[in-house]
Amino acid sequence: MVFLIHIYFLLTAFFVTADQPTSSADGRSSPSSKLWLTAEDDPRFSMNIDMSDTRLPPTAVLMNAVELAARYAELDYLALVPQRQGIVLPQFPQVEIAIIPAPPARTVEVRLILYTIYQTILEMKFGDGFKESEIEVYWDNQIMAHVYFTPPMDDSSYATGQFKALKSPLAGNTSIPENKTTNITDVSINTVFEWTPVYEPNGYNIPPFEVFLLALGALKVVAPHSTTTRVGEPLHIGSELVNANIQIWPEVRRRATAHLRYGHVLEAVRRIPGWQLARHRFAEFFCGIEANRQPLGVVLVQKGHYEPNLGEGVRNVSTS
């Protein structure tokens, strides 16, 4: 079955609030102006999805999609990258994601990969389900790449376009290892990323798919920013499709030698689904971010559908 996917604003818009903070009841500043980041609203982007009847494990699809999106979000947004194929997460070997530039090209743009991963997950969830898929990625009606969500494959399958399962999905161990500290290069010093995640006391449960989609959307929002760019203002990330939101609050301190940067946010966001999956609970969540024992900020995941007040002073920001 072939679906022609055109990217519309109301279907896939993720937004982030930022800029001039105002004071909240608890004394912290809160975002005031609304910046809409509508990457897929670019009419130049479209894609075809060809789904087989072979079903894929949803958890393996989602975990691999978040991790792969995070890896590409670390790169320059407009960078050209070569093909990649194979298992993304060894803990979830039942699903392979391959990205093959359309000949004669040998590379594909990072942002197109991010658009495709996000939109494919939406199509699987709200369309025919989590199935083996081949996606043709277009820009200005010109094919740019083929993306495959499949059970493990061999190289010849990509060359011939035969993307049906060549092997039975591997059983594999689906446990998630505990997250370790991660080295992140700061602008001025080398920092060690540390996070302290906890569930909100008496927090509401959130449907698992919404946590995954919120993470994918947040990665898409932060991707245009360099990992070393400082997060100078609170961010509030949400979606019309998700009844939950992510809030990012940078620590404000005088004489600080380390600051919250988009690389720290990216690293925290990529960990959230796996951390909650390992604990068999998807719910409201809080984590502090530190580097070299210095607090950098906090990340909150809260239940609730955030609706921006589109009025005077709204700034539209396109990532295209």
Protein backbone atom coordinates (compact mmCIF):
# COMPACT_ATOMS: atom_id res chain seq x y z
CA MET A 1 0.00 0.00 0.00
CA VAL A 2 1.48 3.35 -0.99
CA PHE A 3 0.83 6.55 0.87
CA LEU A 4 1.77 9.94 -0.52
CA ILE A 5 2.64 12.00 2.53
CA HIS A 6 2.55 15.76 2.27
CA ILE A 7 3.59 17.58 5.38
CA TYR A 8 0.97 19.93 6.71
CA PHE A 9 1.28 22.44 9.51
CA LEU A 10 -1.65 21.23 11.58
CA LEU A 11 -0.62 17.59 11.38
CA THR A 12 2.98 17.73 12.49
CA ALA A 13 3.76 21.11 14.02
CA PHE A 14 5.99 21.10 17.07
CA PHE A 15 6.44 24.37 18.83
CA VAL A 16 8.74 25.82 21.43
CA THR A 17 8.19 28.85 23.58
CA ALA A 18 11.11 30.98 24.56
CA ASP A 19 12.36 34.55 24.71
CA GLN A 20 11.44 37.18 27.31
CA PRO A 21 10.69 35.26 30.53
CA THR A 22 8.05 36.37 33.02
CA SER A 23 7.79 35.51 36.70
CA SER A 24 5.75 32.48 37.77
CA ALA A 25 4.10 31.74 41.08
CA ASP A 26 7.05 29.75 42.36
CA GLY A 27 9.49 32.56 41.62
CA ARG A 28 11.00 31.02 38.48
CA SER A 29 10.84 32.76 35.16
CA SER A 30 8.44 31.33 32.59
CA PRO A 31 8.40 31.62 28.80
CA SER A 32 6.22 34.32 27.33
CA SER A 33 6.54 34.57 23.55
CA LYS A 34 5.76 31.68 21.21
CA LEU A 35 8.08 30.45 18.49
CA TRP A 36 6.64 27.89 16.12
CA LEU A 37 9.15 25.50 14.61
CA THR A 38 7.40 23.88 11.67
CA ALA A 39 10.15 21.98 9.91
CA GLU A 40 7.85 19.63 7.99
CA ASP A 41 5.60 22.49 6.93
CA ASP A 42 8.08 23.10 4.11
CA PRO A 43 6.12 22.21 0.97
CA ARG A 44 9.33 21.08 -0.72
CA PHE A 45 9.42 17.98 1.49
CA SER A 46 7.26 14.93 0.78
CA MET A 47 7.59 11.18 0.94
CA ASN A 48 6.04 7.92 -0.25
CA ILE A 49 5.62 5.02 2.16
CA ASP A 50 5.34 1.44 0.90
CA MET A 51 4.34 -0.90 3.72
CA SER A 52 4.46 -4.68 3.60
CA ASP A 53 2.30 -7.00 5.71
CA THR A 54 5.21 -7.85 8.01
CA ARG A 55 4.64 -6.35 11.43
CA LEU A 56 7.46 -4.86 13.49
CA PRO A 57 7.63 -4.70 17.30
CA PRO A 58 6.47 -1.16 18.17
CA THR A 59 8.83 -0.76 21.13
CA ALA A 60 11.85 -1.74 19.02
CA VAL A 61 10.77 0.66 16.26
CA LEU A 62 10.32 3.55 18.69
CA MET A 63 13.51 3.00 20.68
CA ASN A 64 15.61 2.74 17.52
CA ALA A 65 13.90 5.76 15.97
CA VAL A 66 14.60 7.98 18.99
CA GLU A 67 18.24 6.90 19.18
CA LEU A 68 18.86 7.34 15.46
CA ALA A 69 17.17 10.75 15.46
CA ALA A 70 19.36 11.79 18.39
CA ARG A 71 22.51 10.73 16.55
CA TYR A 72 21.56 12.81 13.52
CA ALA A 73 20.43 15.74 15.68
CA GLU A 74 23.97 15.92 17.05
CA LEU A 75 25.25 16.74 13.56
CA ASP A 76 25.05 19.99 11.64
CA TYR A 77 21.44 20.45 10.57
CA LEU A 78 22.28 20.99 6.91
CA ALA A 79 25.21 18.57 6.76
CA LEU A 80 25.36 15.92 4.03
CA VAL A 81 25.86 12.43 5.43
CA PRO A 82 26.56 9.09 3.67
CA GLN A 83 24.36 6.02 3.83
CA ARG A 84 23.91 4.09 7.04
CA GLN A 85 22.38 0.69 7.62
CA GLY A 86 22.24 -1.92 10.32
CA ILE A 87 20.98 -2.21 13.86
CA VAL A 88 20.78 1.06 15.80
CA LEU A 89 20.45 -0.26 19.35
CA PRO A 90 21.88 -3.72 20.12
CA GLN A 91 19.25 -4.08 22.86
CA PHE A 92 16.55 -3.94 20.15
CA PRO A 93 17.92 -5.94 17.20
CA GLN A 94 14.46 -6.84 15.88
CA VAL A 95 14.37 -3.65 13.80
CA GLU A 96 16.90 -2.21 11.42
CA ILE A 97 16.79 1.32 9.99
CA ALA A 98 18.70 1.99 6.80
CA ILE A 99 19.17 5.32 5.00
CA ILE A 100 20.34 5.03 1.40
CA PRO A 101 20.91 8.16 -0.73
CA ALA A 102 19.18 7.97 -4.10
CA PRO A 103 21.74 7.44 -6.90
CA PRO A 104 23.73 9.13 -8.21
CA ALA A 105 23.92 11.01 -4.90
CA ARG A 106 26.09 9.51 -2.18
CA THR A 107 24.85 11.71 0.66
CA VAL A 108 21.60 13.02 2.09
CA GLU A 109 20.86 16.08 4.21
CA VAL A 110 20.50 15.61 7.98
CA ARG A 111 17.25 17.55 8.25
CA LEU A 112 15.56 15.34 5.65
CA ILE A 113 16.42 12.27 7.72
CA LEU A 114 14.94 13.86 10.84
CA TYR A 115 11.77 14.86 8.99
CA THR A 116 11.42 11.32 7.61
CA ILE A 117 11.94 9.50 10.90
CA TYR A 118 9.38 11.66 12.67
CA GLN A 119 6.77 11.49 9.92
CA THR A 120 7.20 7.73 9.45
CA ILE A 121 6.48 7.12 13.13
CA LEU A 122 3.34 9.23 12.83
CA GLU A 123 2.21 7.26 9.79
CA MET A 124 2.83 3.93 11.52
CA LYS A 125 0.93 4.96 14.64
CA PHE A 126 -2.05 6.65 13.00
CA GLY A 127 -2.04 4.68 9.75
CA ASP A 128 -1.63 0.97 9.04
CA GLY A 129 0.45 0.14 12.10
CA PHE A 130 4.10 -0.66 12.80
CA LYS A 131 5.05 -2.56 9.67
CA GLU A 132 8.07 -3.12 7.52
CA SER A 133 8.35 -0.02 5.35
CA GLU A 134 10.28 1.50 2.49
CA ILE A 135 10.13 5.29 2.31
CA GLU A 136 11.05 7.41 -0.68
CA VAL A 137 12.15 10.86 0.43
CA TYR A 138 11.55 13.80 -1.92
CA TRP A 139 12.71 17.41 -1.97
CA ASP A 140 11.23 19.68 -4.63
CA ASN A 141 9.71 16.56 -6.22
CA GLN A 142 13.17 15.05 -6.65
CA ILE A 143 13.91 11.78 -4.90
CA MET A 144 16.72 12.20 -2.40
CA ALA A 145 16.89 8.97 -0.40
CA HIS A 146 15.35 5.63 0.47
CA VAL A 147 14.72 4.87 4.15
CA TYR A 148 13.95 1.34 5.33
CA PHE A 149 12.35 0.18 8.59
CA THR A 150 12.77 -3.60 8.46
CA PRO A 151 13.77 -6.74 10.29
CA PRO A 152 17.52 -7.36 9.90
CA MET A 153 18.53 -7.43 6.23
CA ASP A 154 21.58 -8.06 4.11
CA ASP A 155 23.15 -5.51 1.77
CA SER A 156 21.72 -7.03 -1.41
CA SER A 157 18.17 -6.38 -0.31
CA TYR A 158 18.70 -2.63 -0.40
CA ALA A 159 20.22 -2.82 -3.86
CA THR A 160 17.33 -4.80 -5.32
CA GLY A 161 14.56 -3.05 -3.42
CA GLN A 162 13.39 -6.34 -1.91
CA PHE A 163 12.75 -5.26 1.62
CA LYS A 164 10.78 -8.25 2.87
CA ALA A 165 12.21 -10.07 5.89
CA LEU A 166 15.20 -12.22 5.08
CA LYS A 167 15.49 -13.61 8.61
CA SER A 168 13.22 -14.06 11.54
CA PRO A 169 13.47 -11.09 13.91
CA LEU A 170 16.09 -11.80 16.53
CA ALA A 171 14.78 -12.46 20.00
CA GLY A 172 17.41 -10.33 21.68
CA ASN A 173 17.46 -8.92 25.19
CA THR A 174 15.17 -5.91 25.51
CA SER A 175 16.62 -4.67 28.79
CA ILE A 176 17.91 -1.12 28.96
CA PRO A 177 21.30 -0.55 30.61
CA GLU A 178 21.55 2.18 33.20
CA ASN A 179 22.62 5.47 31.69
CA LYS A 180 26.16 6.46 32.43
CA THR A 181 27.77 9.86 32.45
CA THR A 182 28.56 11.24 29.02
CA ASN A 183 31.41 13.52 28.04
CA ILE A 184 30.20 16.65 26.25
CA THR A 185 32.58 19.31 24.99
CA ASP A 186 31.59 22.73 26.29
CA VAL A 187 32.56 25.94 24.51
CA SER A 188 35.19 26.78 27.09
CA ILE A 189 35.74 23.65 29.20
CA ASN A 190 35.25 19.90 29.03
CA THR A 191 32.18 18.96 31.04
CA VAL A 192 30.84 15.65 32.23
CA PHE A 193 27.10 15.32 31.69
CA GLU A 194 25.26 13.95 34.69
CA TRP A 195 21.53 13.65 35.17
CA THR A 196 19.40 12.75 38.18
CA PRO A 197 16.04 11.48 36.85
CA VAL A 198 13.05 10.89 39.12
CA TYR A 199 9.32 10.52 38.65
CA GLU A 200 7.20 13.43 39.84
CA PRO A 201 5.63 12.57 43.23
CA ASN A 202 1.98 11.71 42.59
CA GLY A 203 2.62 12.41 38.92
CA TYR A 204 0.18 11.46 36.19
CA ASN A 205 0.84 8.55 33.86
CA ILE A 206 1.39 9.41 30.19
CA PRO A 207 0.64 7.03 27.29
CA PRO A 208 3.95 5.46 26.21
CA PHE A 209 3.62 6.49 22.57
CA GLU A 210 3.18 10.12 23.62
CA VAL A 211 6.48 10.03 25.52
CA PHE A 212 8.25 8.65 22.45
CA LEU A 213 6.63 11.15 20.09
CA LEU A 214 7.37 14.01 22.47
CA ALA A 215 11.03 12.96 22.55
CA LEU A 216 11.19 12.76 18.74
CA GLY A 217 9.55 16.16 18.44
CA ALA A 218 11.92 17.69 20.99
CA LEU A 219 14.92 16.28 19.11
CA LYS A 220 13.53 17.82 15.93
CA VAL A 221 13.19 21.18 17.68
CA VAL A 222 16.72 21.28 19.12
CA ALA A 223 18.41 19.83 16.02
CA PRO A 224 18.86 23.17 14.18
CA HIS A 225 20.95 24.45 17.09
CA SER A 226 24.62 23.60 17.55
CA THR A 227 25.20 21.26 20.49
CA THR A 228 27.55 23.89 21.96
CA THR A 229 25.05 26.75 21.75
CA ARG A 230 23.97 27.97 25.17
CA VAL A 231 20.31 27.62 26.16
CA GLY A 232 19.84 31.14 27.49
CA GLU A 233 16.10 31.08 28.14
CA PRO A 234 13.45 28.61 29.31
CA LEU A 235 12.00 26.39 26.59
CA HIS A 236 8.54 24.84 26.46
CA ILE A 237 8.14 22.15 23.81
CA GLY A 238 4.81 20.60 22.90
CA SER A 239 2.70 19.28 20.06
CA GLU A 240 -0.90 19.37 18.94
CA LEU A 241 -0.70 15.57 18.77
CA VAL A 242 0.58 14.97 22.31
CA ASN A 243 -1.21 15.64 25.58
CA ALA A 244 2.11 16.27 27.32
CA ASN A 245 4.97 18.74 27.12
CA ILE A 246 8.66 19.15 27.89
CA GLN A 247 9.94 22.13 29.85
CA ILE A 248 13.62 23.05 29.97
CA TRP A 249 14.81 25.46 32.63
CA PRO A 250 18.45 26.64 32.45
CA GLU A 251 20.10 27.43 35.77
CA VAL A 252 20.81 31.13 36.16
CA ARG A 253 23.93 31.77 38.25
CA ARG A 254 26.54 34.46 38.39
CA ARG A 255 30.16 33.54 37.67
CA ALA A 256 29.15 30.19 36.23
CA THR A 257 31.90 28.28 34.45
CA ALA A 258 29.49 25.89 32.73
CA HIS A 259 26.11 26.52 31.14
CA LEU A 260 23.23 24.47 29.83
CA ARG A 261 23.71 23.86 26.12
CA TYR A 262 21.60 22.24 23.45
CA GLY A 263 23.89 19.21 23.57
CA HIS A 264 22.89 18.66 27.19
CA VAL A 265 19.20 18.96 26.31
CA LEU A 266 19.60 16.55 23.41
CA GLU A 267 21.33 13.99 25.61
CA ALA A 268 18.65 14.23 28.31
CA VAL A 269 15.80 13.93 25.82
CA ARG A 270 17.26 10.85 24.12
CA ARG A 271 17.46 9.07 27.48
CA ILE A 272 13.92 9.71 28.73
CA PRO A 273 12.01 6.97 26.83
CA GLY A 274 14.54 4.25 27.67
CA TRP A 275 14.73 5.26 31.32
CA GLN A 276 10.96 5.06 31.68
CA LEU A 277 10.71 1.85 29.65
CA ALA A 278 13.23 0.14 31.91
CA ARG A 279 11.03 1.02 34.91
CA HIS A 280 7.82 -0.09 33.21
CA ARG A 281 6.16 3.27 33.79
CA PHE A 282 5.62 6.24 31.52
CA ALA A 283 4.70 9.24 33.62
CA GLU A 284 5.50 12.82 34.58
CA PHE A 285 9.20 13.15 35.06
CA PHE A 286 11.88 15.48 36.40
CA CYS A 287 15.64 15.44 35.96
CA GLY A 288 18.41 17.76 37.02
CA ILE A 289 21.38 18.25 34.70
CA GLU A 290 24.86 18.84 36.10
CA ALA A 291 28.38 19.15 34.75
CA ASN A 292 31.47 18.95 36.91
CA ARG A 293 29.18 19.10 39.95
CA GLN A 294 27.66 22.37 38.77
CA PRO A 295 23.88 22.51 38.23
CA LEU A 296 23.06 23.49 34.64
CA GLY A 297 19.29 23.21 34.57
CA VAL A 298 16.30 20.91 34.80
CA VAL A 299 14.09 19.08 32.32
CA LEU A 300 10.43 18.39 33.10
CA VAL A 301 7.97 16.14 31.30
CA GLN A 302 4.41 17.00 32.31
CA LYS A 303 0.98 15.81 31.26
CA GLY A 304 -1.18 18.38 29.55
CA HIS A 305 -1.87 19.69 26.07
CA TYR A 306 -0.09 22.98 25.62
CA GLU A 307 -1.92 25.42 23.37
CA PRO A 308 0.00 28.56 22.39
CA ASN A 309 -1.74 31.90 22.42
CA LEU A 310 -1.28 32.95 18.83
CA GLY A 311 -1.65 36.68 19.09
CA GLU A 312 0.23 39.88 18.68
CA GLY A 313 3.99 39.53 19.02
CA VAL A 314 4.12 35.93 17.84
CA ARG A 315 7.26 35.16 15.89
CA ASN A 316 7.24 32.44 13.25
CA VAL A 317 10.48 30.51 12.97
CA SER A 318 11.12 28.06 10.15
CA THR A 319 13.86 25.46 10.36
CA SER A 320 13.97 25.11 6.59
